[in-house]
Amino acid sequence: MDKYLAAAIDEAQKGLRAGGIPIGSVLVVDGQIVGRGHNQRTQKGSSVLHAEMDCLENAGRLKASDYRKAVLYSTLSPCDMCSGAVLLYGIPKVVVGENSTFRGPEDHLRSRGVQLEILEDEECIKMMRDFIAAHPALWNEDIGEP
């Protein structure tokens, strides 16, 4: 398994252990992880702390040139909000653990020049399927569904 995806999965599991939604993310620049995060909407009562947003926040301020050579790893296909951050900062590549349980605006990202690599990782799929089955209301809240 890709070591960066493994780090994102570790983040997702950390979030799950803390009572949150098991989605994790890491930001890689020049082969180094510069930010890590996991979904913390539940734990922090936040409206915006999806895994990718938490990861970007934890990376701190970076130069535009750093974002333009970064790779964002996420265990799940990024939603509209997180995809917007990818576009805002010009992150050229996103590696997605899986998009079978949720698919964000991948076509829009591609149309804007972002390279997406979809891994369909079995561990990521199982983690989300198990969580959604056990906590459907919390999952629907997270993705903005009634």
C-alpha atoms as a PDB file:
ATOM      1  CA  MET A   1       0.000   0.000   0.000  1.00  0.00           C
ATOM      2  CA  ASP A   2       1.077   3.547  -0.723  1.00  0.00           C
ATOM      3  CA  LYS A   3       2.648   5.013   2.439  1.00  0.00           C
ATOM      4  CA  TYR A   4       0.780   8.296   2.033  1.00  0.00           C
ATOM      5  CA  LEU A   5      -2.581   6.577   1.697  1.00  0.00           C
ATOM      6  CA  ALA A   6      -1.641   4.513   4.762  1.00  0.00           C
ATOM      7  CA  ALA A   7      -1.043   7.785   6.657  1.00  0.00           C
ATOM      8  CA  ALA A   8      -4.452   9.081   5.537  1.00  0.00           C
ATOM      9  CA  ILE A   9      -6.066   5.818   6.698  1.00  0.00           C
ATOM     10  CA  ASP A  10      -4.326   6.232  10.074  1.00  0.00           C
ATOM     11  CA  GLU A  11      -5.896   9.689  10.322  1.00  0.00           C
ATOM     12  CA  ALA A  12      -9.324   8.286   9.437  1.00  0.00           C
ATOM     13  CA  GLN A  13      -9.012   5.633  12.134  1.00  0.00           C
ATOM     14  CA  LYS A  14      -7.924   8.284  14.642  1.00  0.00           C
ATOM     15  CA  GLY A  15     -11.087  10.224  13.867  1.00  0.00           C
ATOM     16  CA  LEU A  16     -13.250   7.130  14.220  1.00  0.00           C
ATOM     17  CA  ARG A  17     -11.692   6.289  17.607  1.00  0.00           C
ATOM     18  CA  ALA A  18     -12.513   9.839  18.757  1.00  0.00           C
ATOM     19  CA  GLY A  19     -16.182   9.428  17.839  1.00  0.00           C
ATOM     20  CA  GLY A  20     -16.017  11.056  14.417  1.00  0.00           C
ATOM     21  CA  ILE A  21     -16.442  10.145  10.792  1.00  0.00           C
ATOM     22  CA  PRO A  22     -13.595   7.964   9.468  1.00  0.00           C
ATOM     23  CA  ILE A  23     -12.152  10.125   6.718  1.00  0.00           C
ATOM     24  CA  GLY A  24      -8.469  11.074   6.711  1.00  0.00           C
ATOM     25  CA  SER A  25      -6.172  13.182   4.592  1.00  0.00           C
ATOM     26  CA  VAL A  26      -2.511  14.099   4.193  1.00  0.00           C
ATOM     27  CA  LEU A  27      -0.808  16.782   2.122  1.00  0.00           C
ATOM     28  CA  VAL A  28       2.506  15.828   0.537  1.00  0.00           C
ATOM     29  CA  VAL A  29       5.079  18.288  -0.828  1.00  0.00           C
ATOM     30  CA  ASP A  30       8.370  17.044  -2.272  1.00  0.00           C
ATOM     31  CA  GLY A  31       7.780  13.569  -0.845  1.00  0.00           C
ATOM     32  CA  GLN A  32       7.198  14.842   2.705  1.00  0.00           C
ATOM     33  CA  ILE A  33       3.931  14.921   4.614  1.00  0.00           C
ATOM     34  CA  VAL A  34       3.431  18.578   5.549  1.00  0.00           C
ATOM     35  CA  GLY A  35      -0.118  18.295   6.874  1.00  0.00           C
ATOM     36  CA  ARG A  36      -2.381  15.622   8.358  1.00  0.00           C
ATOM     37  CA  GLY A  37      -6.010  15.728   9.287  1.00  0.00           C
ATOM     38  CA  HIS A  38      -9.228  13.870   9.825  1.00  0.00           C
ATOM     39  CA  ASN A  39     -12.895  14.751   9.847  1.00  0.00           C
ATOM     40  CA  GLN A  40     -13.614  16.564  13.117  1.00  0.00           C
ATOM     41  CA  ARG A  41     -17.070  18.002  12.565  1.00  0.00           C
ATOM     42  CA  THR A  42     -18.489  15.878  15.373  1.00  0.00           C
ATOM     43  CA  GLN A  43     -15.601  16.179  17.810  1.00  0.00           C
ATOM     44  CA  LYS A  44     -15.239  19.957  17.491  1.00  0.00           C
ATOM     45  CA  GLY A  45     -18.815  20.875  16.582  1.00  0.00           C
ATOM     46  CA  SER A  46     -17.435  22.363  13.371  1.00  0.00           C
ATOM     47  CA  SER A  47     -19.280  23.059  10.157  1.00  0.00           C
ATOM     48  CA  VAL A  48     -16.127  22.897   8.002  1.00  0.00           C
ATOM     49  CA  LEU A  49     -13.601  20.472   9.472  1.00  0.00           C
ATOM     50  CA  HIS A  50     -13.762  17.760   6.866  1.00  0.00           C
ATOM     51  CA  ALA A  51     -10.552  15.721   6.696  1.00  0.00           C
ATOM     52  CA  GLU A  52      -9.069  17.719   3.823  1.00  0.00           C
ATOM     53  CA  MET A  53      -9.859  21.054   5.475  1.00  0.00           C
ATOM     54  CA  ASP A  54      -8.344  19.872   8.776  1.00  0.00           C
ATOM     55  CA  CYS A  55      -5.273  18.669   6.880  1.00  0.00           C
ATOM     56  CA  LEU A  56      -4.826  22.017   5.114  1.00  0.00           C
ATOM     57  CA  GLU A  57      -5.323  23.862   8.399  1.00  0.00           C
ATOM     58  CA  ASN A  58      -2.707  21.693  10.104  1.00  0.00           C
ATOM     59  CA  ALA A  59      -0.263  22.260   7.236  1.00  0.00           C
ATOM     60  CA  GLY A  60      -0.340  25.963   8.087  1.00  0.00           C
ATOM     61  CA  ARG A  61       0.542  28.735   5.690  1.00  0.00           C
ATOM     62  CA  LEU A  62       2.406  27.482   2.671  1.00  0.00           C
ATOM     63  CA  LYS A  63       3.782  29.305  -0.335  1.00  0.00           C
ATOM     64  CA  ALA A  64       1.744  29.190  -3.529  1.00  0.00           C
ATOM     65  CA  SER A  65       4.683  27.360  -5.111  1.00  0.00           C
ATOM     66  CA  ASP A  66       4.379  24.612  -2.468  1.00  0.00           C
ATOM     67  CA  TYR A  67       0.682  24.050  -3.163  1.00  0.00           C
ATOM     68  CA  ARG A  68       1.388  23.885  -6.899  1.00  0.00           C
ATOM     69  CA  LYS A  69       3.637  20.866  -6.414  1.00  0.00           C
ATOM     70  CA  ALA A  70       1.579  19.203  -3.683  1.00  0.00           C
ATOM     71  CA  VAL A  71      -0.431  16.012  -3.717  1.00  0.00           C
ATOM     72  CA  LEU A  72      -3.490  15.758  -1.493  1.00  0.00           C
ATOM     73  CA  TYR A  73      -4.386  12.255  -0.329  1.00  0.00           C
ATOM     74  CA  SER A  74      -7.867  11.560   0.984  1.00  0.00           C
ATOM     75  CA  THR A  75      -9.464   8.290   1.996  1.00  0.00           C
ATOM     76  CA  LEU A  76     -12.719   9.446   0.348  1.00  0.00           C
ATOM     77  CA  SER A  77     -13.563  11.494  -2.737  1.00  0.00           C
ATOM     78  CA  PRO A  78     -13.473  15.183  -1.702  1.00  0.00           C
ATOM     79  CA  CYS A  79     -16.801  17.017  -1.424  1.00  0.00           C
ATOM     80  CA  ASP A  80     -17.605  20.358  -3.060  1.00  0.00           C
ATOM     81  CA  MET A  81     -16.093  22.351  -0.180  1.00  0.00           C
ATOM     82  CA  CYS A  82     -12.834  20.404  -0.097  1.00  0.00           C
ATOM     83  CA  SER A  83     -12.597  20.345  -3.885  1.00  0.00           C
ATOM     84  CA  GLY A  84     -12.967  24.123  -3.814  1.00  0.00           C
ATOM     85  CA  ALA A  85      -9.931  24.353  -1.532  1.00  0.00           C
ATOM     86  CA  VAL A  86      -7.969  22.184  -3.987  1.00  0.00           C
ATOM     87  CA  LEU A  87      -8.869  24.613  -6.777  1.00  0.00           C
ATOM     88  CA  LEU A  88      -8.259  27.722  -4.661  1.00  0.00           C
ATOM     89  CA  TYR A  89      -4.720  26.685  -3.783  1.00  0.00           C
ATOM     90  CA  GLY A  90      -3.902  25.145  -7.147  1.00  0.00           C
ATOM     91  CA  ILE A  91      -3.158  21.658  -5.836  1.00  0.00           C
ATOM     92  CA  PRO A  92      -2.498  19.735  -9.062  1.00  0.00           C
ATOM     93  CA  LYS A  93      -3.123  16.158  -7.920  1.00  0.00           C
ATOM     94  CA  VAL A  94      -5.525  14.388  -5.577  1.00  0.00           C
ATOM     95  CA  VAL A  95      -5.193  10.708  -4.710  1.00  0.00           C
ATOM     96  CA  VAL A  96      -8.507   9.262  -3.547  1.00  0.00           C
ATOM     97  CA  GLY A  97      -8.748   6.091  -1.471  1.00  0.00           C
ATOM     98  CA  GLU A  98     -12.243   5.358  -2.752  1.00  0.00           C
ATOM     99  CA  ASN A  99     -15.250   6.941  -4.406  1.00  0.00           C
ATOM    100  CA  SER A 100     -17.785   4.117  -4.332  1.00  0.00           C
ATOM    101  CA  THR A 101     -19.502   5.219  -1.099  1.00  0.00           C
ATOM    102  CA  PHE A 102     -19.374   8.932  -2.003  1.00  0.00           C
ATOM    103  CA  ARG A 103     -18.288  10.718  -5.158  1.00  0.00           C
ATOM    104  CA  GLY A 104     -17.511  14.413  -5.002  1.00  0.00           C
ATOM    105  CA  PRO A 105     -17.260  16.731  -8.018  1.00  0.00           C
ATOM    106  CA  GLU A 106     -14.444  14.769  -9.639  1.00  0.00           C
ATOM    107  CA  ASP A 107     -15.432  15.722 -13.188  1.00  0.00           C
ATOM    108  CA  HIS A 108     -15.285  19.404 -12.240  1.00  0.00           C
ATOM    109  CA  LEU A 109     -11.830  18.981 -10.735  1.00  0.00           C
ATOM    110  CA  ARG A 110     -10.640  17.215 -13.893  1.00  0.00           C
ATOM    111  CA  SER A 111     -12.161  19.949 -16.068  1.00  0.00           C
ATOM    112  CA  ARG A 112     -10.054  22.457 -14.130  1.00  0.00           C
ATOM    113  CA  GLY A 113      -6.842  20.505 -14.730  1.00  0.00           C
ATOM    114  CA  VAL A 114      -6.576  18.560 -11.470  1.00  0.00           C
ATOM    115  CA  GLN A 115      -5.243  15.040 -11.880  1.00  0.00           C
ATOM    116  CA  LEU A 116      -7.240  12.496  -9.886  1.00  0.00           C
ATOM    117  CA  GLU A 117      -6.049   9.025  -9.057  1.00  0.00           C
ATOM    118  CA  ILE A 118      -8.833   6.796  -7.703  1.00  0.00           C
ATOM    119  CA  LEU A 119      -7.465   3.763  -5.868  1.00  0.00           C
ATOM    120  CA  GLU A 120     -10.691   1.973  -4.788  1.00  0.00           C
ATOM    121  CA  ASP A 121      -8.832   0.721  -1.728  1.00  0.00           C
ATOM    122  CA  GLU A 122     -10.761  -2.068   0.007  1.00  0.00           C
ATOM    123  CA  GLU A 123      -9.869  -0.847   3.514  1.00  0.00           C
ATOM    124  CA  CYS A 124     -11.200   2.636   2.740  1.00  0.00           C
ATOM    125  CA  ILE A 125     -14.392   1.201   1.229  1.00  0.00           C
ATOM    126  CA  LYS A 126     -15.050  -1.110   4.181  1.00  0.00           C
ATOM    127  CA  MET A 127     -14.357   1.636   6.720  1.00  0.00           C
ATOM    128  CA  MET A 128     -16.933   3.939   5.102  1.00  0.00           C
ATOM    129  CA  ARG A 129     -19.539   1.247   4.410  1.00  0.00           C
ATOM    130  CA  ASP A 130     -19.390   0.084   8.020  1.00  0.00           C
ATOM    131  CA  PHE A 131     -19.632   3.649   9.324  1.00  0.00           C
ATOM    132  CA  ILE A 132     -22.522   4.647   7.040  1.00  0.00           C
ATOM    133  CA  ALA A 133     -24.461   1.503   8.013  1.00  0.00           C
ATOM    134  CA  ALA A 134     -23.932   2.187  11.718  1.00  0.00           C
ATOM    135  CA  HIS A 135     -24.462   5.986  11.635  1.00  0.00           C
ATOM    136  CA  PRO A 136     -26.623   6.979   8.642  1.00  0.00           C
ATOM    137  CA  ALA A 137     -27.954  10.201  10.194  1.00  0.00           C
ATOM    138  CA  LEU A 138     -24.476  11.481  11.073  1.00  0.00           C
ATOM    139  CA  TRP A 139     -23.210  10.598   7.607  1.00  0.00           C
ATOM    140  CA  ASN A 140     -26.119  12.410   5.923  1.00  0.00           C
ATOM    141  CA  GLU A 141     -25.434  15.473   8.071  1.00  0.00           C
ATOM    142  CA  ASP A 142     -21.793  15.446   7.007  1.00  0.00           C
ATOM    143  CA  ILE A 143     -22.602  15.409   3.285  1.00  0.00           C
ATOM    144  CA  GLY A 144     -25.471  17.893   3.583  1.00  0.00           C
ATOM    145  CA  GLU A 145     -28.303  15.429   2.991  1.00  0.00           C
ATOM    146  CA  PRO A 146     -31.635  15.621   4.836  1.00  0.00           C
END
